[in-house]
Each structure stands twice: as structure tokens, then as C-alpha cells.
Amino acid sequence: MSKIYITGHKNPDLDSLCSAYAYSVLKNKIDPDNEYIPVRAGHLSDSVTAILSTLGIEAPPYMSNVYPKVADVMLRPTEKLEASAPLTELAKTFKDSTPSVVPIYDNGKFTGLLSVDDITRYFMHKLGEEGRISEIPTLGTLLEKNEAPVQADDLFEDAKISLSGSKKRGLAVFEGEEFCGYVSRRCFLKAPSYKVILVDHNEARQSINGIEKAEVVEIVDHHRLDASKTSLPIFIDTEPLGSTCTIVYRMFLRNDVTPDKYTAKVMLTGLISDTLILKSPTTTQTDRETATKLAEICGVDINEFGHEMFSHVESMGKRDPERAILSDFKKYTEKGVQIGIGQCEVTTLHDIDEYTGMYLDMLEEVREKEGLTWATLMITNVLKEHSVLLTTGYKAEKMLPYKMLSEKVYDMPNVMSRKKQLLPEMLYALSAVTLG
């Protein structure tokens, strides 16, 4: 049974988290030959954490990368050979296999790896000194000093380099302070690759670290396509809908599977979040119909559910500015210009003057750290369908069709969608200044 990891983008929002979980539920039902594991590629914002806690939804576990690791290739010992045992005990294991190294224990505690070289070296030394072998040695007598062990979560390539620079045939593998297995040179003949399904994104730069080493087997998304080349044909479901959770629910229907109440609530959470309680311009009739069906399964009212969700969103003044800006931050390239757009949801804009200064300062720091030409932050009141835009200084900002409230701060009435409303205006502004 293969493990297949399902993950959203690096800055996980609710649609990313919820679609990963829900799709794992469906895939585990329709494909029992594989194990589908939802994971998140980044840390949660305070607002997302608060919403999930209130709704009783558990976020997928954090996974930092999908680079091959020592644990993916290490060998686990099936027998425990004691240091006090004679060499004849080891000889018995060679009936079934010819291991290059064998773990040796002292009263049940790992003490080292015995290699074929250790055995040969011992007998050659004895023959050279005495001209004959007078006794059968114990395994502990044969054991030479071991190299430093590696950890199970060490990267495959790092461990391969360590072993290639060693005279030993194998290295012990530990999980913390506990011995758990070993790796020999043959373990590194071919690097393994993780199997991954991408949801709510399809661009490698937005994905989990190490995605370039992994095998992407599926993509389920509702954004524009900018996927990396794959070595094999894969399943792709991308639809211009308001939420990836809507797509996942439609896949439940296509496979004649009815989601349980908890999974339905998870999908409704992602859908309501990404469509801003079905008010975003990205919302389609399919999203509305899906939300109605999921709400029926959950036994909730859509508007009450949405307002309860967003009532737990913190004021921007109480959030860490850098974490808030990067919590849902997308980067784009247009005409060679690198731009970034963040978006945060709030339930009031009345206090915006209290925090714009520190957010403008941090937005400039983020622009520099991310190597961007232009960075913006869209702060959206989901209840009033109104946004305010903060921007770093760039000549294209003057081309935006919004009223300036103060320097680098713009009013955006009836604007809620980064993808459908703000991004096109920023791209138009870029084109205008580039051509000019």
C-alpha cells in the first residue's frame, strides 16, 4: 500500500486545509489499495486556528517537506543478536540472506553494527599473529568502533554523502535516542520519491518544499494553471469555481459517495471561507448549490454558520503584521515584474487607521525579503463587502482605479476578490507603466 500525501499551498487557508482533508476521506473510500494522508505545508494563522477550534475541526498535521529521508530506505532489524553470542549464531542468519551489516545488542540495548569487514579483519589479524584460529569468537569481540549514527528524519542525500565518505558498509539509524534500524550502501542506489496530490494550488513555488523531488499524481484546483511538467500523465480537475471544496464535493457525487456530517462541515467551512459567505465575485451557482447541500447534511443555516465563523477573526491590530500579511500571500510574475498580494478578512474597517502604519512598514519588509518589486495587502470586511488596499511604493499604484485615502492606502468598495477583481487591475496597471 502506497502512502499518498494530499496538501494545499504553503500559506494554508481554510479552503486549502478543508479540501485536503475532505479529498483524503473520499480517496480512502474509493481506493483502498492506497493510503491517502492530508497534510499542511505551512503553519496556521491565529484566525484560522480560532475558526477551526470553534467549529471543532482538526487541522491536518504539519509536514515540512517531501524530500526523501533516511526513514524511507532504512532497514529494520528482524532479529536481535547479543554481543555475547558466538559467531556461529550469526552464521545461521546467512542461510536466508547475506547482510552487509548486522545490529548487535548488549542485554537488549543496541551497541553497534557488525559488518563483514569487521569479521574479515578479525580473522586476518588472528591468522597473521598466530597462524591459526584457535576459538570461535563472540560477536562483541568482532565489533569495531562505529561511525556516528544518522537520524530517521535526516535527508536521503545528506545520509548518502555521510556513508559515501565513510569506510563502513552501513550506518545506524536513530529516532531521537532510540535505535530503530540501519542503512547500507545498497539502500542508496535509488532515491525514493513521495507521491503527492496538490489541492487549491498547482504551482511548484506555492507548494510544499521538495515538490520537485516528488511524484505529483493529481491536481485539484480552482486557480489558473501554471503547473510544472510531469513525467507521467496525471489526473487534473481544475474548474473556475469559488472553492476547491466545491470541486471535491462534486467528486463525492460523481463517485456516488455521501459525505458524513463532519466531512460535510469541513467542506462547508472551506467553501464559505473562500467565497466570503458566498458574496465574493468568484462565487458561482454551483458553489451556492453545493453550500446548500452541505448545510443540509450539517443541519446548519449558511449565513449563521458564516457569521459565526468570521466572528472569530481577530482585529488586524491584534495580529502579528508579518504573519498576517504572509498568511494568505500569493506571488505573481507579469512582464518580468514580481508582485505579491496578501489578503486578510476582518469584520470591521472602522479601526483601520490604528494599524495601517505598522502594516505598511511590514509590507515593505516583506517586499524586500521576498524579492518583489511591488507588494500589496487587501483587507476585506466580509460582512460589508468592502476592502482597503495597502501598497508599497511603486509607480503602477497610481494607475489603480481606487480612491486614495492616504499615502499608499486605497478605498475599494464592493471589492472582495483578489483573483477576479484586484489582480486584473494590478496587471493592467503594470502593463500601462511598462508600455509607457
Protein backbone atom coordinates (compact mmCIF):
# COMPACT_ATOMS: atom_id res chain seq x y z
CA MET A 1 0.00 0.00 0.00
CA SER A 2 1.47 3.33 -1.08
CA LYS A 3 1.18 6.47 1.03
CA ILE A 4 -0.10 9.43 -0.95
CA TYR A 5 0.03 12.85 0.69
CA ILE A 6 -2.61 15.49 -0.07
CA THR A 7 -1.52 19.05 0.54
CA GLY A 8 -2.55 22.61 -0.17
CA HIS A 9 -0.25 25.61 -0.55
CA LYS A 10 2.43 26.84 1.85
CA ASN A 11 0.26 29.50 3.50
CA PRO A 12 -2.72 27.29 4.33
CA ASP A 13 -6.11 28.97 4.33
CA LEU A 14 -9.35 27.19 5.21
CA ASP A 15 -10.15 26.08 1.65
CA SER A 16 -6.68 24.55 1.31
CA LEU A 17 -6.90 22.71 4.65
CA CYS A 18 -10.50 21.59 4.29
CA SER A 19 -10.22 20.35 0.71
CA ALA A 20 -7.12 18.31 1.60
CA TYR A 21 -8.94 16.60 4.45
CA ALA A 22 -12.19 16.01 2.55
CA TYR A 23 -10.42 14.66 -0.52
CA SER A 24 -8.48 12.21 1.65
CA VAL A 25 -11.79 10.91 3.03
CA LEU A 26 -13.12 10.34 -0.47
CA LYS A 27 -9.95 8.78 -1.85
CA ASN A 28 -9.60 6.37 1.07
CA LYS A 29 -13.16 5.18 0.40
CA ILE A 30 -12.82 4.66 -3.34
CA ASP A 31 -9.18 3.47 -3.44
CA PRO A 32 -8.50 1.05 -0.56
CA ASP A 33 -5.25 -0.09 -2.21
CA ASN A 34 -3.52 3.15 -1.17
CA GLU A 35 -3.43 5.29 1.96
CA TYR A 36 -4.27 8.97 1.46
CA ILE A 37 -2.92 11.32 4.13
CA PRO A 38 -3.91 15.01 4.35
CA VAL A 39 -1.10 17.32 5.46
CA ARG A 40 -0.46 21.06 5.57
CA ALA A 41 2.67 22.67 4.17
CA GLY A 42 2.71 25.69 6.48
CA HIS A 43 1.71 26.97 9.89
CA LEU A 44 -1.77 28.24 10.71
CA SER A 45 -2.67 31.87 11.21
CA ASP A 46 -4.27 32.83 14.51
CA SER A 47 -7.62 33.46 12.80
CA VAL A 48 -7.66 30.07 11.06
CA THR A 49 -6.71 28.38 14.34
CA ALA A 50 -9.55 30.18 16.15
CA ILE A 51 -12.13 29.27 13.50
CA LEU A 52 -11.14 25.61 13.40
CA SER A 53 -11.21 25.42 17.20
CA THR A 54 -14.67 27.00 17.37
CA LEU A 55 -16.08 24.64 14.75
CA GLY A 56 -14.42 21.59 16.30
CA ILE A 57 -12.37 20.86 13.18
CA GLU A 58 -8.87 19.41 13.45
CA ALA A 59 -6.29 20.77 11.01
CA PRO A 60 -4.21 18.25 9.01
CA PRO A 61 -0.78 17.60 10.56
CA TYR A 62 2.15 19.80 9.53
CA MET A 63 4.66 18.34 7.08
CA SER A 64 7.71 20.47 6.36
CA ASN A 65 8.81 18.83 3.11
CA VAL A 66 8.57 15.82 0.83
CA TYR A 67 12.28 15.30 0.30
CA PRO A 68 13.29 11.60 0.54
CA LYS A 69 14.51 10.75 4.02
CA VAL A 70 16.55 8.07 5.74
CA ALA A 71 13.37 6.54 7.17
CA ASP A 72 12.15 5.85 3.63
CA VAL A 73 15.04 3.49 2.85
CA MET A 74 16.33 2.20 6.19
CA LEU A 75 16.21 -1.48 7.10
CA ARG A 76 14.60 -2.56 10.34
CA PRO A 77 16.26 -5.48 12.14
CA THR A 78 14.18 -8.64 12.45
CA GLU A 79 16.49 -10.41 14.90
CA LYS A 80 18.43 -9.36 17.98
CA LEU A 81 21.92 -10.84 18.16
CA GLU A 82 23.67 -10.39 21.51
CA ALA A 83 27.31 -9.37 21.78
CA SER A 84 27.90 -12.42 23.95
CA ALA A 85 26.67 -14.81 21.24
CA PRO A 86 29.26 -16.82 19.26
CA LEU A 87 29.89 -16.16 15.61
CA THR A 88 28.03 -19.39 14.80
CA GLU A 89 24.77 -17.61 15.74
CA LEU A 90 25.39 -15.03 13.06
CA ALA A 91 26.26 -17.75 10.56
CA LYS A 92 22.73 -19.11 10.89
CA THR A 93 21.25 -15.85 9.54
CA PHE A 94 23.31 -16.16 6.38
CA LYS A 95 21.21 -19.14 5.29
CA ASP A 96 18.43 -16.78 4.21
CA SER A 97 20.32 -13.58 3.40
CA THR A 98 23.78 -12.06 3.22
CA PRO A 99 23.50 -8.74 5.04
CA SER A 100 26.46 -6.37 4.80
CA VAL A 101 25.88 -5.20 8.37
CA VAL A 102 24.07 -6.70 11.37
CA PRO A 103 22.91 -4.87 14.53
CA ILE A 104 24.48 -6.19 17.75
CA TYR A 105 22.92 -5.73 21.20
CA ASP A 106 24.22 -5.90 24.77
CA ASN A 107 21.45 -7.13 27.06
CA GLY A 108 18.86 -5.84 24.64
CA LYS A 109 20.48 -2.43 24.14
CA PHE A 110 21.93 -1.55 20.74
CA THR A 111 25.70 -1.42 20.84
CA GLY A 112 26.82 -1.29 17.21
CA LEU A 113 26.72 -2.59 13.64
CA LEU A 114 28.83 -5.62 12.84
CA SER A 115 29.99 -5.68 9.25
CA VAL A 116 31.51 -8.34 7.04
CA ASP A 117 34.66 -6.20 7.06
CA ASP A 118 34.82 -6.46 10.87
CA ILE A 119 34.70 -10.24 10.67
CA THR A 120 37.30 -10.45 7.89
CA ARG A 121 39.61 -8.00 9.67
CA TYR A 122 39.46 -10.05 12.91
CA PHE A 123 40.31 -13.36 11.26
CA MET A 124 43.04 -11.89 9.06
CA HIS A 125 44.60 -10.32 12.16
CA LYS A 126 44.47 -13.62 14.08
CA LEU A 127 45.94 -15.57 11.20
CA GLY A 128 48.69 -13.01 10.80
CA GLU A 129 49.57 -13.12 14.50
CA GLU A 130 49.09 -16.79 15.37
CA GLY A 131 48.91 -18.54 12.02
CA ARG A 132 45.70 -20.30 13.07
CA ILE A 133 42.25 -19.78 14.55
CA SER A 134 42.01 -21.41 17.97
CA GLU A 135 38.48 -20.43 19.01
CA ILE A 136 35.13 -19.16 17.78
CA PRO A 137 34.89 -15.50 18.83
CA THR A 138 31.82 -13.75 20.26
CA LEU A 139 30.12 -11.13 18.16
CA GLY A 140 31.16 -8.41 20.61
CA THR A 141 34.81 -9.33 20.13
CA LEU A 142 34.49 -8.76 16.39
CA LEU A 143 32.76 -5.41 16.68
CA GLU A 144 34.80 -2.41 15.58
CA LYS A 145 34.12 1.22 16.53
CA ASN A 146 31.07 2.56 14.74
CA GLU A 147 30.58 5.77 12.80
CA ALA A 148 28.21 8.42 14.18
CA PRO A 149 24.60 7.39 13.53
CA VAL A 150 22.07 9.27 11.41
CA GLN A 151 18.53 10.25 12.33
CA ALA A 152 15.48 8.71 10.65
CA ASP A 153 14.27 12.14 9.52
CA ASP A 154 17.64 13.14 8.04
CA LEU A 155 17.50 13.83 4.31
CA PHE A 156 18.32 10.93 2.00
CA GLU A 157 21.01 12.89 0.15
CA ASP A 158 22.73 14.01 3.36
CA ALA A 159 22.93 10.45 4.70
CA LYS A 160 24.14 9.19 1.34
CA ILE A 161 27.03 11.66 1.46
CA SER A 162 27.84 10.65 5.04
CA LEU A 163 28.02 6.96 4.14
CA SER A 164 29.94 7.52 0.91
CA GLY A 165 32.63 9.34 2.89
CA SER A 166 32.87 6.53 5.43
CA LYS A 167 34.86 3.30 5.36
CA LYS A 168 31.90 1.49 6.92
CA ARG A 169 29.36 -0.53 5.00
CA GLY A 170 26.42 0.86 6.97
CA LEU A 171 25.25 3.43 9.49
CA ALA A 172 22.94 3.04 12.47
CA VAL A 173 19.66 4.96 12.32
CA PHE A 174 18.13 6.53 15.42
CA GLU A 175 14.82 8.17 16.22
CA GLY A 176 15.89 10.58 18.90
CA GLU A 177 17.84 8.45 21.37
CA GLU A 178 16.42 5.11 20.23
CA PHE A 179 17.98 2.77 17.66
CA CYS A 180 15.40 1.92 15.01
CA GLY A 181 17.30 0.45 12.05
CA TYR A 182 20.25 0.85 9.74
CA VAL A 183 21.19 1.82 6.21
CA SER A 184 23.71 0.11 3.98
CA ARG A 185 25.18 1.29 0.70
CA ARG A 186 22.61 -0.60 -1.34
CA CYS A 187 19.85 1.47 0.34
CA PHE A 188 21.09 4.50 -1.61
CA LEU A 189 21.18 3.03 -5.09
CA LYS A 190 17.95 4.86 -5.99
CA ALA A 191 16.27 7.76 -4.23
CA PRO A 192 12.62 7.13 -3.36
CA SER A 193 10.00 9.76 -4.20
CA TYR A 194 6.89 10.76 -2.29
CA LYS A 195 3.53 10.67 -4.06
CA VAL A 196 1.62 13.91 -3.69
CA ILE A 197 -1.79 15.30 -4.64
CA LEU A 198 -1.98 19.09 -4.88
CA VAL A 199 -5.22 20.81 -3.85
CA ASP A 200 -6.11 24.52 -4.04
CA HIS A 201 -2.93 25.29 -6.00
CA ASN A 202 -0.89 23.90 -8.87
CA GLU A 203 2.31 25.98 -8.88
CA ALA A 204 5.53 24.46 -7.54
CA ARG A 205 6.63 27.73 -5.91
CA GLN A 206 3.45 27.75 -3.79
CA SER A 207 3.78 24.10 -2.86
CA ILE A 208 5.39 22.08 -0.12
CA ASN A 209 9.21 22.10 -0.01
CA GLY A 210 10.71 19.27 -2.04
CA ILE A 211 7.83 19.03 -4.50
CA GLU A 212 10.40 18.98 -7.34
CA LYS A 213 11.65 15.63 -5.99
CA ALA A 214 8.16 14.19 -5.52
CA GLU A 215 5.75 12.50 -7.91
CA VAL A 216 2.67 14.66 -8.36
CA VAL A 217 -0.15 12.22 -9.12
CA GLU A 218 -3.19 14.55 -9.11
CA ILE A 219 -4.14 18.23 -9.08
CA VAL A 220 -7.49 19.53 -7.82
CA ASP A 221 -7.72 23.31 -8.03
CA HIS A 222 -9.77 26.39 -8.95
CA HIS A 223 -6.94 28.77 -9.91
CA ARG A 224 -5.20 29.49 -13.19
CA LEU A 225 -2.90 26.73 -14.41
CA ASP A 226 0.86 27.12 -14.01
CA ALA A 227 1.72 23.52 -13.16
CA SER A 228 5.18 22.01 -13.57
CA LYS A 229 5.85 19.36 -16.19
CA THR A 230 5.17 15.79 -15.02
CA SER A 231 6.89 12.63 -16.22
CA LEU A 232 3.61 10.67 -16.48
CA PRO A 233 0.01 11.57 -17.35
CA ILE A 234 -1.91 12.60 -14.22
CA PHE A 235 -5.48 13.32 -13.19
CA ILE A 236 -6.29 17.05 -13.13
CA ASP A 237 -9.59 18.60 -12.09
CA THR A 238 -9.49 22.39 -12.32
CA GLU A 239 -12.74 24.31 -12.51
CA PRO A 240 -13.48 28.07 -12.32
CA LEU A 241 -15.42 27.78 -9.09
CA GLY A 242 -15.28 29.75 -5.87
CA SER A 243 -13.77 26.99 -3.75
CA THR A 244 -11.74 23.81 -4.11
CA CYS A 245 -14.15 22.25 -1.62
CA THR A 246 -16.92 22.66 -4.19
CA ILE A 247 -14.89 20.60 -6.65
CA VAL A 248 -14.22 17.94 -4.02
CA TYR A 249 -17.94 17.69 -3.16
CA ARG A 250 -18.76 17.23 -6.85
CA MET A 251 -16.24 14.38 -6.90
CA PHE A 252 -18.11 12.79 -3.97
CA LEU A 253 -21.26 12.93 -6.10
CA ARG A 254 -19.54 11.52 -9.19
CA ASN A 255 -18.34 8.57 -7.14
CA ASP A 256 -21.78 8.07 -5.54
CA VAL A 257 -20.40 8.73 -2.03
CA THR A 258 -22.31 10.78 0.52
CA PRO A 259 -20.02 12.67 2.92
CA ASP A 260 -20.61 12.16 6.64
CA LYS A 261 -21.73 15.12 8.74
CA TYR A 262 -18.23 16.03 9.92
CA THR A 263 -16.71 15.91 6.42
CA ALA A 264 -19.63 17.95 5.08
CA LYS A 265 -18.97 20.60 7.75
CA VAL A 266 -15.30 20.64 6.82
CA MET A 267 -16.14 21.25 3.15
CA LEU A 268 -18.74 23.88 4.02
CA THR A 269 -16.13 25.69 6.12
CA GLY A 270 -13.67 25.85 3.22
CA LEU A 271 -16.38 26.88 0.76
CA ILE A 272 -17.86 29.63 2.96
CA SER A 273 -14.38 30.93 3.76
CA ASP A 274 -13.10 31.14 0.19
CA THR A 275 -16.33 32.65 -1.19
CA LEU A 276 -16.68 35.03 1.78
CA ILE A 277 -20.13 33.67 2.72
CA LEU A 278 -21.00 33.33 -1.00
CA LYS A 279 -20.53 37.09 -1.56
CA SER A 280 -17.27 37.01 -3.48
CA PRO A 281 -17.43 37.61 -7.27
CA THR A 282 -15.73 34.22 -7.66
CA THR A 283 -18.90 32.54 -6.32
CA THR A 284 -20.82 30.53 -8.90
CA GLN A 285 -24.25 28.96 -8.90
CA THR A 286 -22.53 25.62 -8.39
CA ASP A 287 -20.94 26.96 -5.20
CA ARG A 288 -24.32 28.12 -3.93
CA GLU A 289 -25.97 24.78 -4.68
CA THR A 290 -23.08 22.93 -3.05
CA ALA A 291 -23.25 25.11 0.07
CA THR A 292 -26.99 24.42 0.34
CA LYS A 293 -26.47 20.65 0.11
CA LEU A 294 -23.62 20.64 2.63
CA ALA A 295 -25.59 22.83 5.03
CA GLU A 296 -28.49 20.36 4.83
CA ILE A 297 -26.18 17.48 5.75
CA CYS A 298 -24.73 19.50 8.64
CA GLY A 299 -28.08 20.85 9.76
CA VAL A 300 -26.94 24.50 9.79
CA ASP A 301 -28.04 27.81 8.29
CA ILE A 302 -25.45 29.09 5.79
CA ASN A 303 -25.50 32.74 6.87
CA GLU A 304 -25.47 31.94 10.57
CA PHE A 305 -22.65 29.46 10.00
CA GLY A 306 -20.63 32.02 8.04
CA HIS A 307 -21.16 34.84 10.51
CA GLU A 308 -20.19 32.54 13.37
CA MET A 309 -17.01 31.62 11.50
CA PHE A 310 -15.90 35.15 10.79
CA SER A 311 -16.89 36.44 14.23
CA HIS A 312 -13.72 34.73 15.49
CA VAL A 313 -11.46 36.64 13.12
CA GLU A 314 -9.10 38.86 15.13
CA SER A 315 -8.74 42.58 14.62
CA MET A 316 -5.72 43.38 12.44
CA GLY A 317 -4.37 45.49 15.27
CA LYS A 318 -4.06 42.39 17.47
CA ARG A 319 -2.32 40.24 14.86
CA ASP A 320 1.38 39.94 14.19
CA PRO A 321 1.79 42.05 11.00
CA GLU A 322 4.26 39.75 9.24
CA ARG A 323 2.29 36.60 9.98
CA ALA A 324 -0.94 38.31 8.92
CA ILE A 325 0.49 39.51 5.61
CA LEU A 326 2.05 36.14 4.76
CA SER A 327 -0.89 34.03 5.99
CA ASP A 328 -2.53 34.22 2.55
CA PHE A 329 0.07 35.71 0.25
CA LYS A 330 0.28 34.92 -3.46
CA LYS A 331 3.14 35.86 -5.78
CA TYR A 332 2.83 36.51 -9.50
CA THR A 333 5.15 37.46 -12.35
CA GLU A 334 3.99 39.79 -15.12
CA LYS A 335 6.24 41.28 -17.79
CA GLY A 336 9.25 40.39 -15.67
CA VAL A 337 7.88 42.21 -12.62
CA GLN A 338 7.50 40.22 -9.40
CA ILE A 339 4.40 41.18 -7.41
CA GLY A 340 2.78 39.83 -4.26
CA ILE A 341 -0.79 40.15 -2.99
CA GLY A 342 -1.87 39.29 0.53
CA GLN A 343 -5.45 39.20 1.76
CA CYS A 344 -6.86 39.28 5.28
CA GLU A 345 -10.50 39.10 6.32
CA VAL A 346 -11.99 41.30 9.06
CA THR A 347 -15.47 42.13 10.30
CA THR A 348 -14.89 45.89 10.54
CA LEU A 349 -12.74 48.54 8.90
CA HIS A 350 -13.51 51.22 11.48
CA ASP A 351 -10.18 50.71 13.25
CA ILE A 352 -8.01 50.65 10.12
CA ASP A 353 -6.28 53.97 10.91
CA GLU A 354 -4.95 52.42 14.13
CA TYR A 355 -2.74 49.87 12.38
CA THR A 356 -2.06 50.94 8.77
CA GLY A 357 1.30 52.47 9.72
CA MET A 358 2.83 49.30 11.13
CA TYR A 359 1.35 47.19 8.32
CA LEU A 360 2.78 49.48 5.63
CA ASP A 361 6.20 49.22 7.26
CA MET A 362 5.98 45.43 7.44
CA LEU A 363 4.65 45.19 3.88
CA GLU A 364 7.83 46.93 2.71
CA GLU A 365 9.95 44.47 4.72
CA VAL A 366 8.04 41.54 3.17
CA ARG A 367 8.58 43.00 -0.30
CA GLU A 368 12.34 43.14 0.29
CA LYS A 369 12.55 39.67 1.87
CA GLU A 370 10.54 38.05 -0.93
CA GLY A 371 12.49 39.83 -3.68
CA LEU A 372 9.40 41.57 -5.05
CA THR A 373 9.00 44.78 -7.00
CA TRP A 374 5.51 45.54 -5.73
CA ALA A 375 3.61 44.17 -2.71
CA THR A 376 0.03 44.83 -1.62
CA LEU A 377 -2.29 43.76 1.17
CA MET A 378 -6.04 43.63 0.68
CA ILE A 379 -8.01 43.93 3.94
CA THR A 380 -11.57 42.76 3.38
CA ASN A 381 -14.66 43.32 5.51
CA VAL A 382 -16.57 40.13 4.69
CA LEU A 383 -19.80 41.39 6.24
CA LYS A 384 -19.95 44.74 4.40
CA GLU A 385 -18.37 43.65 1.07
CA HIS A 386 -15.74 46.37 1.31
CA SER A 387 -11.93 46.31 1.16
CA VAL A 388 -9.00 48.62 1.76
CA LEU A 389 -5.71 48.19 -0.09
CA LEU A 390 -2.28 48.83 1.40
CA THR A 391 0.61 49.03 -1.05
CA THR A 392 4.34 49.52 -1.16
CA GLY A 393 5.60 52.43 -3.21
CA TYR A 394 5.59 51.61 -6.93
CA LYS A 395 4.76 53.73 -9.95
CA ALA A 396 1.94 51.40 -11.08
CA GLU A 397 -0.14 52.12 -7.96
CA LYS A 398 -1.19 55.48 -9.44
CA MET A 399 -2.90 53.57 -12.27
CA LEU A 400 -5.21 51.66 -9.91
CA PRO A 401 -8.89 52.70 -10.20
CA TYR A 402 -9.36 53.25 -6.46
CA LYS A 403 -9.73 56.37 -4.36
CA MET A 404 -6.67 57.21 -2.26
CA LEU A 405 -7.50 57.51 1.43
CA SER A 406 -3.94 58.39 2.43
CA GLU A 407 -0.47 57.72 1.11
CA LYS A 408 -0.28 54.06 -0.06
CA VAL A 409 -3.82 53.36 1.24
CA TYR A 410 -6.77 52.96 -1.15
CA ASP A 411 -10.52 52.51 -0.72
CA MET A 412 -12.09 49.52 -2.53
CA PRO A 413 -15.89 49.46 -2.11
CA ASN A 414 -17.56 46.28 -3.39
CA VAL A 415 -14.17 44.62 -3.96
CA MET A 416 -13.76 41.24 -2.27
CA SER A 417 -11.85 39.00 -4.67
CA ARG A 418 -8.09 39.15 -5.08
CA LYS A 419 -8.24 36.81 -8.06
CA LYS A 420 -11.14 38.31 -10.01
CA GLN A 421 -11.06 41.97 -9.01
CA LEU A 422 -7.71 43.16 -7.68
CA LEU A 423 -5.24 41.04 -9.68
CA PRO A 424 -6.61 42.07 -13.10
CA GLU A 425 -6.38 45.75 -12.10
CA MET A 426 -2.80 45.34 -10.90
CA LEU A 427 -1.82 43.53 -14.09
CA TYR A 428 -3.45 46.28 -16.18
CA ALA A 429 -1.58 48.93 -14.17
CA LEU A 430 1.69 47.05 -14.71
CA SER A 431 1.06 46.85 -18.46
CA ALA A 432 0.30 50.55 -18.59
CA VAL A 433 3.52 51.64 -16.88
CA THR A 434 5.60 49.04 -18.74
CA LEU A 435 4.33 50.21 -22.13
CA GLY A 436 4.65 53.83 -21.07
